[in-house]
């Protein structure tokens, strides 16, 4: 444990120094990179120096002018960065350019890169305090914000994302990008579903007027399923696990 702790300190201290990860990953068979920074607009600098099979997660929020005509969306689809800029979808913009840079670095450096692209990840509370994603869900349930987002998005259970990540690392045939997304729904549908099952909470009722993030579409996760991933958990299951964990931890 002490050695692992020292490695972690090394990685934190020298995060942007070229070669600083060499000691931290010496002797390992693979590296999981499970997040990328949400960069300020037009800043696409990321560094990668790994020489092992590298499984990365880049969230899938795919925005296109013709998204309905392009559905079901699969590994060949990328968000249109001009669309993202037009509608101020900077999170998706940042994730898109970060992943594209990761693929560029992998090609230049000979890295065996596999990317898992999950949609909106829903999970039970795993840490003492809710993550930013869970804080948003909790706020919608408790009516702690004025409006919920005018967003149609794919949702996926954290268990499925973890399993997909392991497959991406362990399966020799895993390659390229792997969409990992279950049900696509608008947030109004999610809130209505929760109201029916957990009616005692003061849910937020107003939908945001934000445009550009609400286009109906579908997602194709067949590639990761063919690798051996079990059938993806339903929308009801993932939110049940989430709400019940809030209740058990005293947040609801």
Protein backbone atom coordinates (compact mmCIF):
# COMPACT_ATOMS: atom_id res chain seq x y z
CA UNK A 1 0.00 0.00 0.00
CA UNK A 2 2.84 2.39 0.82
CA UNK A 3 4.32 1.90 -2.63
CA UNK A 4 0.98 2.56 -4.31
CA UNK A 5 0.56 5.71 -2.21
CA UNK A 6 4.00 6.94 -3.25
CA UNK A 7 3.12 6.34 -6.89
CA UNK A 8 -0.07 8.32 -6.53
CA UNK A 9 1.82 11.24 -4.99
CA UNK A 10 4.30 11.12 -7.85
CA UNK A 11 1.52 11.27 -10.44
CA UNK A 12 -0.18 14.19 -8.70
CA UNK A 13 3.04 16.16 -8.24
CA UNK A 14 4.32 15.81 -11.80
CA UNK A 15 1.09 15.50 -13.75
CA UNK A 16 2.15 17.73 -16.67
CA UNK A 17 5.85 16.76 -16.80
CA UNK A 18 6.72 14.55 -19.76
CA UNK A 19 7.86 11.15 -18.57
CA UNK A 20 6.46 11.64 -15.08
CA UNK A 21 4.15 8.63 -15.42
CA UNK A 22 6.94 6.21 -16.31
CA UNK A 23 7.70 5.13 -12.75
CA UNK A 24 4.03 5.06 -11.76
CA UNK A 25 3.09 2.55 -14.48
CA UNK A 26 6.33 0.56 -14.65
CA UNK A 27 5.54 -3.15 -14.77
CA UNK A 28 1.77 -2.86 -15.23
CA UNK A 29 -0.17 -4.54 -18.03
CA UNK A 30 -2.68 -1.77 -18.64
CA UNK A 31 -3.84 1.68 -17.59
CA UNK A 32 -7.39 2.90 -17.01
CA UNK A 33 -7.86 6.59 -17.69
CA UNK A 34 -11.40 7.19 -16.48
CA UNK A 35 -11.92 10.91 -17.04
CA UNK A 36 -10.63 13.81 -19.05
CA UNK A 37 -10.72 17.46 -18.01
CA UNK A 38 -13.52 19.71 -19.24
CA UNK A 39 -11.29 22.18 -21.00
CA UNK A 40 -11.95 25.83 -21.63
CA UNK A 41 -13.09 26.50 -25.21
CA UNK A 42 -10.45 25.97 -27.89
CA UNK A 43 -7.84 24.45 -25.54
CA UNK A 44 -7.17 20.90 -26.72
CA UNK A 45 -3.86 20.17 -24.96
CA UNK A 46 -3.61 16.74 -23.39
CA UNK A 47 -0.56 14.58 -22.85
CA UNK A 48 -0.28 10.79 -23.02
CA UNK A 49 2.86 8.69 -22.66
CA UNK A 50 1.54 5.22 -21.94
CA UNK A 51 3.02 2.23 -23.73
CA UNK A 52 0.51 -0.43 -22.64
CA UNK A 53 -3.00 -1.32 -23.58
CA UNK A 54 -4.88 1.77 -22.46
CA UNK A 55 -8.62 1.75 -21.82
CA UNK A 56 -10.16 5.19 -21.62
CA UNK A 57 -13.62 6.52 -20.90
CA UNK A 58 -14.98 9.48 -22.82
CA UNK A 59 -18.60 10.25 -22.14
CA UNK A 60 -20.93 9.95 -25.09
CA UNK A 61 -23.10 12.99 -25.59
CA UNK A 62 -23.23 13.13 -29.38
CA UNK A 63 -24.51 16.36 -30.89
CA UNK A 64 -25.20 16.68 -34.61
CA UNK A 65 -27.37 18.90 -36.77
CA UNK A 66 -28.95 15.78 -38.27
CA UNK A 67 -28.89 13.58 -35.16
CA UNK A 68 -32.35 12.07 -35.77
CA UNK A 69 -31.45 11.12 -39.34
CA UNK A 70 -28.12 9.70 -38.16
CA UNK A 71 -29.62 7.50 -35.41
CA UNK A 72 -28.93 4.97 -34.10
CA UNK A 73 -25.64 6.58 -33.10
CA UNK A 74 -22.64 4.25 -32.98
CA UNK A 75 -18.85 4.34 -32.70
CA UNK A 76 -18.50 6.09 -36.05
CA UNK A 77 -20.33 9.19 -34.83
CA UNK A 78 -18.67 12.21 -33.24
CA UNK A 79 -20.20 15.42 -31.92
CA UNK A 80 -20.10 18.28 -34.41
CA UNK A 81 -17.90 20.85 -32.64
CA UNK A 82 -19.52 23.71 -34.58
CA UNK A 83 -22.92 22.56 -33.31
CA UNK A 84 -21.52 22.44 -29.78
CA UNK A 85 -20.19 25.98 -30.08
CA UNK A 86 -23.46 27.28 -31.51
CA UNK A 87 -25.47 25.92 -28.56
CA UNK A 88 -22.79 26.46 -25.88
CA UNK A 89 -22.44 22.74 -25.25
CA UNK A 90 -18.93 23.10 -23.88
CA UNK A 91 -18.91 19.86 -21.94
CA UNK A 92 -19.50 17.85 -25.10
CA UNK A 93 -17.08 20.07 -27.01
CA UNK A 94 -14.32 19.47 -24.48
CA UNK A 95 -14.89 15.70 -24.36
CA UNK A 96 -14.84 15.51 -28.15
CA UNK A 97 -11.58 17.35 -28.69
CA UNK A 98 -9.98 15.55 -25.72
CA UNK A 99 -10.80 12.13 -27.15
CA UNK A 100 -9.66 13.11 -30.63
CA UNK A 101 -6.35 14.27 -29.15
CA UNK A 102 -6.08 10.96 -27.28
CA UNK A 103 -6.44 9.08 -30.56
CA UNK A 104 -3.86 11.34 -32.19
CA UNK A 105 -1.35 10.76 -29.38
CA UNK A 106 -2.04 7.02 -29.41
CA UNK A 107 -1.34 6.84 -33.13
CA UNK A 108 1.83 8.89 -32.87
CA UNK A 109 3.13 6.96 -29.85
CA UNK A 110 2.10 3.42 -30.77
CA UNK A 111 -0.34 3.13 -27.86
CA UNK A 112 -2.91 0.34 -27.99
CA UNK A 113 -5.89 2.53 -27.13
CA UNK A 114 -9.44 1.31 -26.51
CA UNK A 115 -12.11 3.84 -25.56
CA UNK A 116 -15.33 3.11 -23.68
CA UNK A 117 -17.94 5.76 -24.45
CA UNK A 118 -20.66 5.65 -21.78
CA UNK A 119 -23.64 7.96 -21.79
CA UNK A 120 -25.01 9.66 -18.64
CA UNK A 121 -23.81 7.39 -15.83
CA UNK A 122 -26.29 6.74 -13.01
CA UNK A 123 -25.14 4.94 -9.88
CA UNK A 124 -25.82 4.30 -6.24
CA UNK A 125 -23.90 6.51 -3.86
CA UNK A 126 -20.45 4.93 -3.48
CA UNK A 127 -18.60 7.70 -1.63
CA UNK A 128 -19.56 9.49 1.60
CA UNK A 129 -20.80 12.48 -0.40
CA UNK A 130 -22.58 12.55 -3.79
CA UNK A 131 -20.50 13.23 -6.87
CA UNK A 132 -21.45 16.18 -9.08
CA UNK A 133 -23.66 13.94 -11.22
CA UNK A 134 -25.48 12.52 -8.21
CA UNK A 135 -25.81 15.99 -6.71
CA UNK A 136 -27.74 17.04 -9.81
CA UNK A 137 -30.09 14.05 -9.59
CA UNK A 138 -30.61 14.72 -5.88
CA UNK A 139 -31.41 18.37 -6.60
CA UNK A 140 -34.07 17.41 -9.17
CA UNK A 141 -35.70 14.99 -6.72
CA UNK A 142 -35.65 17.46 -3.80
CA UNK A 143 -36.79 20.41 -5.90
CA UNK A 144 -33.62 22.25 -4.93
CA UNK A 145 -33.21 23.88 -8.34
CA UNK A 146 -35.63 25.93 -10.43
CA UNK A 147 -35.61 23.72 -13.50
CA UNK A 148 -34.41 20.44 -14.91
CA UNK A 149 -32.42 20.35 -18.16
CA UNK A 150 -34.11 20.24 -21.53
CA UNK A 151 -31.97 17.26 -22.41
CA UNK A 152 -32.56 13.97 -24.18
CA UNK A 153 -29.68 11.65 -23.40
CA UNK A 154 -28.70 8.03 -23.06
CA UNK A 155 -28.41 6.70 -19.51
CA UNK A 156 -26.32 3.79 -18.26
CA UNK A 157 -25.79 2.03 -14.93
CA UNK A 158 -22.33 2.34 -13.35
CA UNK A 159 -22.10 -1.48 -13.07
CA UNK A 160 -22.38 -1.76 -16.85
CA UNK A 161 -19.72 0.91 -17.35
CA UNK A 162 -17.32 -0.91 -15.01
CA UNK A 163 -17.96 -4.24 -16.73
CA UNK A 164 -17.45 -2.64 -20.14
CA UNK A 165 -14.18 -1.15 -18.99
CA UNK A 166 -12.89 -4.52 -17.83
CA UNK A 167 -13.86 -6.09 -21.15
CA UNK A 168 -12.05 -3.31 -23.00
CA UNK A 169 -8.91 -4.11 -21.05
CA UNK A 170 -9.04 -7.90 -20.99
CA UNK A 171 -10.50 -8.89 -24.35
CA UNK A 172 -7.80 -9.17 -26.98
CA UNK A 173 -10.31 -8.41 -29.71
CA UNK A 174 -11.41 -5.15 -28.07
CA UNK A 175 -10.51 -2.26 -30.33
CA UNK A 176 -11.48 1.27 -31.18
CA UNK A 177 -14.45 2.99 -29.55
CA UNK A 178 -17.15 1.14 -27.59
CA UNK A 179 -20.53 2.80 -27.04
CA UNK A 180 -22.00 1.85 -23.66
CA UNK A 181 -25.51 3.26 -23.34
CA UNK A 182 -28.86 1.85 -22.27
CA UNK A 183 -32.16 3.77 -22.48
CA UNK A 184 -32.35 7.19 -24.15
CA UNK A 185 -34.86 9.48 -22.43
CA UNK A 186 -35.70 13.13 -21.85
CA UNK A 187 -35.27 14.31 -18.27
CA UNK A 188 -39.01 14.95 -18.08
CA UNK A 189 -39.56 11.20 -18.62
CA UNK A 190 -37.10 10.34 -15.89
CA UNK A 191 -38.74 12.69 -13.39
CA UNK A 192 -42.19 11.37 -14.26
CA UNK A 193 -40.96 7.80 -13.72
CA UNK A 194 -39.53 8.72 -10.32
CA UNK A 195 -42.70 10.59 -9.29
CA UNK A 196 -44.77 7.47 -9.88
CA UNK A 197 -42.49 5.26 -7.80
CA UNK A 198 -41.36 7.76 -5.15
CA UNK A 199 -44.24 10.26 -4.96
CA UNK A 200 -43.39 11.87 -1.62
CA UNK A 201 -40.55 14.09 -2.86
CA UNK A 202 -40.94 17.71 -4.07
CA UNK A 203 -39.57 17.25 -7.59
CA UNK A 204 -38.62 20.18 -9.76
CA UNK A 205 -41.42 20.75 -12.27
CA UNK A 206 -40.07 23.31 -14.72
CA UNK A 207 -38.06 22.37 -17.80
CA UNK A 208 -35.22 24.57 -19.02
CA UNK A 209 -35.71 26.46 -22.28
CA UNK A 210 -32.16 25.64 -23.41
CA UNK A 211 -32.10 24.39 -27.00
CA UNK A 212 -29.76 22.06 -28.83
CA UNK A 213 -29.59 19.29 -26.23
CA UNK A 214 -33.09 17.85 -26.55
CA UNK A 215 -33.14 16.13 -29.94
CA UNK A 216 -34.60 12.60 -29.92
CA UNK A 217 -32.12 9.90 -30.94
CA UNK A 218 -31.06 6.35 -30.17
CA UNK A 219 -27.75 4.69 -29.29
CA UNK A 220 -26.23 1.47 -30.60
CA UNK A 221 -24.30 -0.52 -27.96
CA UNK A 222 -24.12 -3.73 -29.99
CA UNK A 223 -20.32 -3.67 -30.30
CA UNK A 224 -19.69 -3.89 -26.54
CA UNK A 225 -22.52 -6.42 -26.16
CA UNK A 226 -20.88 -8.63 -28.79
CA UNK A 227 -17.69 -8.54 -26.72
CA UNK A 228 -19.59 -10.25 -23.91
CA UNK A 229 -21.20 -7.48 -21.88
CA UNK A 230 -24.38 -8.65 -20.14
CA UNK A 231 -27.67 -7.01 -21.19
CA UNK A 232 -27.63 -3.39 -20.08
CA UNK A 233 -29.61 -2.52 -16.96
CA UNK A 234 -32.87 -0.66 -17.44
CA UNK A 235 -33.58 2.98 -16.70
CA UNK A 236 -35.81 1.95 -13.80
CA UNK A 237 -33.12 -0.27 -12.28
CA UNK A 238 -30.37 2.33 -12.43
CA UNK A 239 -32.52 5.06 -10.85
CA UNK A 240 -33.93 2.65 -8.25
CA UNK A 241 -30.38 1.87 -7.15
CA UNK A 242 -29.58 5.57 -7.07
CA UNK A 243 -32.64 6.68 -5.07
CA UNK A 244 -32.42 3.77 -2.62
CA UNK A 245 -28.79 4.63 -1.91
CA UNK A 246 -29.78 8.26 -1.22
CA UNK A 247 -32.38 6.97 1.22
CA UNK A 248 -29.97 4.57 2.91
CA UNK A 249 -27.34 7.29 3.33
CA UNK A 250 -29.84 9.81 4.69
CA UNK A 251 -29.83 12.22 1.74
CA UNK A 252 -33.54 11.57 1.11
